[in-house]
Amino acid sequence: MCCACFTLSAQTTNTFPLNGSVGIGTLSPENGWKLDVNGLGAVGTYGTARIYLGSLDSTTAMIQSRNLITNQKLTFFASSYNFGVGNVGIGDADPATLLTLRRMIPEGDQISIYRADSTPNLDVYSIYNGSSDPQSGSFAYGVRPSDDAWQIWEKGDNVNWANLFTVKKDGNVGIGTLTPNTKLAVNGNIRALEIKVETANWPDYVFAKDYKLPTLQETEKHIKDKGHLPGIPSAAEVKANGVDLGEMNARLLQKIEELTLYLIRLEKENDKQKQKNRSLEERLNKIENQ
């Protein structure tokens, strides 16, 4: 059997060796590639949607689905994961993220997706990559390893990103704050139709028979010495630590109940005084009528 390497082209630009790389449009195909095509290529039936392959310029390659007139759909099928590296752009010739989708018109949404830094064992895919901000879009979300938290950001001025929402690894949630130290921390105002606060220490004990109601003299002395009611935090304490709504409502109710007991006691004393006055008045009338 006779075998030979041969080249077919009027200008001798194609090479089909018996062993090695095939070159189309080149006599020196790049080593390591079974097929090296110098120029644009088209795959598919003429007149239908075909795949066009080639280079746009010295730094950008392209894959395009097109018939003779317009662009057509391009579908990818895969049976396993691709563990390669590199950025992919859809509608973007220079993607700055692992996957960038860009609309051809200014209006509309744009999505950039990064792979998050897995330093704190948080290996997720998100819009934030843990080291630099996305370069476009209005919102971003993902895991930020430096804060060990899942977050949402807004790029209001198209330059700086502002944190809107944070969920820490311990379950604490922050709105407008990166460092929530409670289950819910809000740096701003809250408006709601209804807020329900659970508390187990409701002050019905004030009405128990063994409850020691402070005297008004004791309360007066505490106010003079401390500058606030007994059992109520001072203005300085509230400024430093805030107010526990459930506990404070219970304490205020305790003061209202104590005040109610004072009024009941005062009314009883007033009734006794009225009775004494009536008795004295009756005795005085008898003396005057003698």
Protein backbone atom coordinates (compact mmCIF):
# COMPACT_ATOMS: atom_id res chain seq x y z
CA MET A 1 0.00 0.00 0.00
CA CYS A 2 1.28 3.44 -0.89
CA CYS A 3 0.48 6.44 1.39
CA ALA A 4 1.45 10.02 0.90
CA CYS A 5 0.94 13.48 2.35
CA PHE A 6 -0.71 15.80 -0.13
CA THR A 7 -1.80 19.43 -0.47
CA LEU A 8 -4.85 20.59 -2.48
CA SER A 9 -5.16 24.23 -3.52
CA ALA A 10 -4.53 26.34 -6.55
CA GLN A 11 -2.49 28.62 -4.31
CA THR A 12 -1.14 25.79 -2.16
CA THR A 13 -2.77 26.94 1.12
CA ASN A 14 -4.22 23.63 2.33
CA THR A 15 -2.40 20.63 3.74
CA PHE A 16 -3.70 17.11 4.47
CA PRO A 17 -0.81 15.04 5.88
CA LEU A 18 -1.09 11.32 6.55
CA ASN A 19 -0.15 11.93 10.18
CA GLY A 20 -0.38 15.23 12.03
CA SER A 21 -2.57 18.31 11.78
CA VAL A 22 -4.80 19.27 8.86
CA GLY A 23 -4.49 22.85 7.68
CA ILE A 24 -7.12 24.76 5.69
CA GLY A 25 -5.96 28.16 4.57
CA THR A 26 -2.56 27.49 6.10
CA LEU A 27 0.44 25.31 5.27
CA SER A 28 1.65 25.31 8.88
CA PRO A 29 -1.22 24.24 11.14
CA GLU A 30 -0.65 24.94 14.81
CA ASN A 31 0.81 22.02 16.71
CA GLY A 32 -1.60 20.20 18.98
CA TRP A 33 -4.69 20.84 16.84
CA LYS A 34 -6.02 18.16 14.53
CA LEU A 35 -7.65 20.84 12.36
CA ASP A 36 -6.41 24.42 11.92
CA VAL A 37 -8.53 26.74 9.74
CA ASN A 38 -7.12 30.13 8.84
CA GLY A 39 -10.22 32.22 8.13
CA LEU A 40 -13.97 32.12 8.72
CA GLY A 41 -15.83 28.82 8.64
CA ALA A 42 -19.47 27.81 8.20
CA VAL A 43 -21.14 24.55 9.26
CA GLY A 44 -24.64 23.50 8.22
CA THR A 45 -26.96 23.31 5.23
CA TYR A 46 -26.72 26.26 2.85
CA GLY A 47 -29.75 28.56 3.08
CA THR A 48 -30.71 27.44 6.61
CA ALA A 49 -29.43 28.44 10.03
CA ARG A 50 -25.71 27.62 10.07
CA ILE A 51 -22.88 28.00 12.57
CA TYR A 52 -20.28 30.58 11.58
CA LEU A 53 -16.87 30.42 13.27
CA GLY A 54 -14.00 32.82 13.05
CA SER A 55 -12.19 35.88 14.38
CA LEU A 56 -13.63 39.37 14.63
CA ASP A 57 -10.20 40.86 15.24
CA SER A 58 -6.86 39.98 16.81
CA THR A 59 -8.36 39.67 20.31
CA THR A 60 -11.94 38.46 19.77
CA ALA A 61 -13.32 35.24 18.29
CA MET A 62 -16.97 34.64 17.45
CA ILE A 63 -19.60 31.92 17.08
CA GLN A 64 -22.73 32.98 15.22
CA SER A 65 -25.95 31.28 14.15
CA ARG A 66 -27.26 32.83 10.93
CA ASN A 67 -29.05 32.08 7.69
CA LEU A 68 -28.48 34.06 4.50
CA ILE A 69 -30.25 37.15 5.89
CA THR A 70 -30.62 37.31 9.67
CA ASN A 71 -29.23 35.92 12.91
CA GLN A 72 -30.88 32.74 14.19
CA LYS A 73 -31.16 30.81 17.46
CA LEU A 74 -28.09 29.10 18.89
CA THR A 75 -28.65 26.15 21.25
CA PHE A 76 -26.08 24.36 23.43
CA PHE A 77 -26.43 20.81 24.77
CA ALA A 78 -24.14 19.29 27.41
CA SER A 79 -24.05 16.01 29.31
CA SER A 80 -21.57 17.02 32.03
CA TYR A 81 -20.12 20.04 33.81
CA ASN A 82 -17.44 22.17 32.23
CA PHE A 83 -14.64 22.82 34.72
CA GLY A 84 -12.64 25.06 32.43
CA VAL A 85 -11.85 28.68 33.20
CA GLY A 86 -12.52 31.86 31.26
CA ASN A 87 -15.20 34.52 30.89
CA VAL A 88 -18.23 34.05 28.63
CA GLY A 89 -20.12 36.92 27.05
CA ILE A 90 -23.58 36.86 25.48
CA GLY A 91 -24.11 40.13 23.66
CA ASP A 92 -20.75 41.32 25.02
CA ALA A 93 -17.47 41.03 23.11
CA ASP A 94 -15.36 41.78 26.20
CA PRO A 95 -16.98 40.06 29.23
CA ALA A 96 -15.48 41.04 32.57
CA THR A 97 -17.29 38.30 34.51
CA LEU A 98 -17.57 34.52 34.34
CA LEU A 99 -20.88 35.03 32.50
CA THR A 100 -22.01 38.42 31.18
CA LEU A 101 -25.32 39.06 29.42
CA ARG A 102 -25.75 42.41 27.70
CA ARG A 103 -28.65 43.88 25.75
CA MET A 104 -27.84 45.56 22.46
CA ILE A 105 -29.90 48.63 23.44
CA PRO A 106 -29.24 50.81 26.51
CA GLU A 107 -32.64 50.16 28.07
CA GLY A 108 -33.28 46.90 29.91
CA ASP A 109 -31.62 44.60 32.39
CA GLN A 110 -28.05 43.38 32.39
CA ILE A 111 -26.71 40.48 34.44
CA SER A 112 -23.15 39.73 35.50
CA ILE A 113 -22.37 36.52 37.38
CA TYR A 114 -19.18 35.83 39.32
CA ARG A 115 -17.91 32.82 41.18
CA ALA A 116 -17.63 33.72 44.86
CA ASP A 117 -14.36 33.36 46.74
CA SER A 118 -14.48 30.06 48.64
CA THR A 119 -12.03 31.07 51.40
CA PRO A 120 -14.61 30.71 54.22
CA ASN A 121 -15.96 27.49 52.62
CA LEU A 122 -18.76 29.37 50.89
CA ASP A 123 -18.56 27.96 47.37
CA VAL A 124 -21.48 29.53 45.53
CA TYR A 125 -22.21 31.22 42.25
CA SER A 126 -23.36 34.77 42.66
CA ILE A 127 -23.13 38.26 41.23
CA TYR A 128 -20.39 39.33 43.63
CA ASN A 129 -16.99 37.64 43.48
CA GLY A 130 -15.63 38.59 46.87
CA SER A 131 -12.83 40.82 45.62
CA SER A 132 -14.20 43.38 43.13
CA ASP A 133 -17.59 44.81 42.34
CA PRO A 134 -19.58 43.97 39.23
CA GLN A 135 -18.97 46.57 36.58
CA SER A 136 -22.54 47.18 35.50
CA GLY A 137 -26.18 46.73 36.48
CA SER A 138 -28.35 48.25 39.20
CA PHE A 139 -28.54 45.39 41.71
CA ALA A 140 -26.25 42.59 42.82
CA TYR A 141 -26.59 39.73 45.27
CA GLY A 142 -24.42 36.97 46.59
CA VAL A 143 -22.02 35.79 49.28
CA ARG A 144 -19.28 38.18 50.32
CA PRO A 145 -16.56 36.14 52.08
CA SER A 146 -14.96 39.17 53.76
CA ASP A 147 -18.21 39.70 55.70
CA ASP A 148 -19.14 35.99 55.85
CA ALA A 149 -22.66 36.96 54.80
CA TRP A 150 -25.19 36.77 51.98
CA GLN A 151 -25.92 40.30 50.77
CA ILE A 152 -27.82 42.47 48.30
CA TRP A 153 -26.25 45.66 46.90
CA GLU A 154 -27.49 48.61 44.85
CA LYS A 155 -25.36 50.68 42.49
CA GLY A 156 -27.28 53.93 42.78
CA ASP A 157 -24.69 56.32 41.31
CA ASN A 158 -23.25 53.80 38.81
CA VAL A 159 -19.92 54.01 40.66
CA ASN A 160 -20.26 52.89 44.28
CA TRP A 161 -22.22 49.92 45.58
CA ALA A 162 -24.45 50.36 48.66
CA ASN A 163 -25.46 47.45 50.87
CA LEU A 164 -29.23 47.01 51.19
CA PHE A 165 -29.65 43.65 52.94
CA THR A 166 -27.38 41.29 54.87
CA VAL A 167 -27.90 37.77 56.22
CA LYS A 168 -25.05 36.64 58.48
CA LYS A 169 -23.91 33.05 58.92
CA ASP A 170 -25.38 33.01 62.45
CA GLY A 171 -28.83 33.90 61.06
CA ASN A 172 -28.79 37.59 62.01
CA VAL A 173 -30.41 39.84 59.39
CA GLY A 174 -29.40 43.43 58.73
CA ILE A 175 -31.26 46.05 56.69
CA GLY A 176 -29.06 49.05 56.01
CA THR A 177 -26.27 47.63 58.19
CA LEU A 178 -23.42 45.19 57.57
CA THR A 179 -23.07 44.18 61.23
CA PRO A 180 -26.40 42.98 62.65
CA ASN A 181 -25.86 41.76 66.24
CA THR A 182 -29.49 40.69 66.71
CA LYS A 183 -31.84 38.48 64.69
CA LEU A 184 -33.09 41.64 62.92
CA ALA A 185 -31.21 44.95 62.88
CA VAL A 186 -32.63 47.89 60.91
CA ASN A 187 -30.63 51.06 60.39
CA GLY A 188 -33.58 53.34 59.67
CA ASN A 189 -37.28 53.84 60.29
CA ILE A 190 -39.88 51.05 60.37
CA ARG A 191 -43.54 51.45 59.50
CA ALA A 192 -46.00 48.60 60.00
CA LEU A 193 -49.72 48.01 60.36
CA GLU A 194 -49.17 45.71 63.32
CA ILE A 195 -46.24 44.57 65.48
CA LYS A 196 -46.69 41.78 68.02
CA VAL A 197 -44.14 41.46 70.83
CA GLU A 198 -44.14 38.33 72.97
CA THR A 199 -43.51 38.72 76.71
CA ALA A 200 -44.05 36.33 79.60
CA ASN A 201 -43.60 38.74 82.53
CA TRP A 202 -46.87 40.69 82.33
CA PRO A 203 -47.36 42.73 85.54
CA ASP A 204 -50.62 41.27 86.84
CA TYR A 205 -48.61 40.62 90.01
CA VAL A 206 -49.23 44.27 90.97
CA PHE A 207 -52.79 43.31 91.93
CA ALA A 208 -51.71 40.32 94.04
CA LYS A 209 -52.44 40.60 97.78
CA ASP A 210 -48.78 40.14 98.72
CA TYR A 211 -47.52 42.88 96.34
CA LYS A 212 -45.73 45.65 98.22
CA LEU A 213 -46.90 48.89 96.70
CA PRO A 214 -44.26 51.60 97.20
CA THR A 215 -45.43 54.60 99.16
CA LEU A 216 -45.63 57.95 97.42
CA GLN A 217 -42.95 59.19 99.79
CA GLU A 218 -40.61 56.40 98.61
CA THR A 219 -41.38 57.21 94.98
CA GLU A 220 -40.77 60.91 95.58
CA LYS A 221 -37.40 60.20 97.19
CA HIS A 222 -36.33 57.97 94.25
CA ILE A 223 -37.28 60.69 91.76
CA LYS A 224 -35.27 63.28 93.70
CA ASP A 225 -32.24 60.97 93.95
CA LYS A 226 -32.28 59.33 90.49
CA GLY A 227 -34.27 61.67 88.28
CA HIS A 228 -36.65 58.98 86.96
CA LEU A 229 -39.32 56.58 88.17
CA PRO A 230 -38.30 53.36 89.95
CA GLY A 231 -37.93 50.46 87.50
CA ILE A 232 -37.78 52.79 84.46
CA PRO A 233 -34.41 53.28 82.69
CA SER A 234 -32.87 56.73 82.61
CA ALA A 235 -32.55 58.81 79.45
CA ALA A 236 -28.82 58.00 79.33
CA GLU A 237 -29.51 54.24 79.50
CA VAL A 238 -32.08 54.46 76.70
CA LYS A 239 -29.70 56.47 74.53
CA ALA A 240 -26.92 53.92 75.04
CA ASN A 241 -28.90 50.66 74.90
CA GLY A 242 -32.22 51.44 73.23
CA VAL A 243 -35.58 50.19 74.50
CA ASP A 244 -36.90 46.64 74.72
CA LEU A 245 -40.48 47.22 73.55
CA GLY A 246 -41.96 44.20 75.30
CA GLU A 247 -40.20 44.85 78.61
CA MET A 248 -40.84 48.60 78.49
CA ASN A 249 -44.55 48.14 77.81
CA ALA A 250 -44.70 45.78 80.79
CA ARG A 251 -42.93 48.31 83.03
CA LEU A 252 -45.17 51.15 81.89
CA LEU A 253 -48.23 48.97 82.56
CA GLN A 254 -46.81 48.24 86.03
CA LYS A 255 -46.65 51.99 86.70
CA ILE A 256 -50.20 52.47 85.40
CA GLU A 257 -51.45 49.66 87.64
CA GLU A 258 -49.60 51.12 90.64
CA LEU A 259 -51.09 54.53 89.83
CA THR A 260 -54.52 52.91 89.69
CA LEU A 261 -53.99 51.43 93.16
CA TYR A 262 -52.89 54.84 94.45
CA LEU A 263 -56.08 56.40 93.05
CA ILE A 264 -58.25 53.66 94.56
CA ARG A 265 -56.56 54.16 97.94
CA LEU A 266 -56.91 57.93 97.64
CA GLU A 267 -60.60 57.61 96.75
CA LYS A 268 -61.21 55.42 99.81
CA GLU A 269 -59.41 57.92 102.04
CA ASN A 270 -61.41 60.73 100.46
CA ASP A 271 -64.68 58.87 101.07
CA LYS A 272 -63.73 58.39 104.73
CA GLN A 273 -62.94 62.07 105.04
CA LYS A 274 -66.27 62.98 103.48
CA GLN A 275 -68.05 60.72 105.96
CA LYS A 276 -66.22 62.40 108.85
CA ASN A 277 -67.13 65.82 107.50
CA ARG A 278 -70.80 64.86 107.26
CA SER A 279 -70.77 63.58 110.85
CA LEU A 280 -69.16 66.76 112.10
CA GLU A 281 -71.61 68.86 110.13
CA GLU A 282 -74.58 66.98 111.64
CA ARG A 283 -73.23 67.43 115.18
CA LEU A 284 -72.62 71.12 114.53
CA ASN A 285 -76.17 71.59 113.27
CA LYS A 286 -77.57 69.93 116.40
CA ILE A 287 -75.54 72.23 118.63
CA GLU A 288 -76.65 75.33 116.76
CA ASN A 289 -80.32 74.30 116.91
CA GLN A 290 -80.40 73.84 120.70
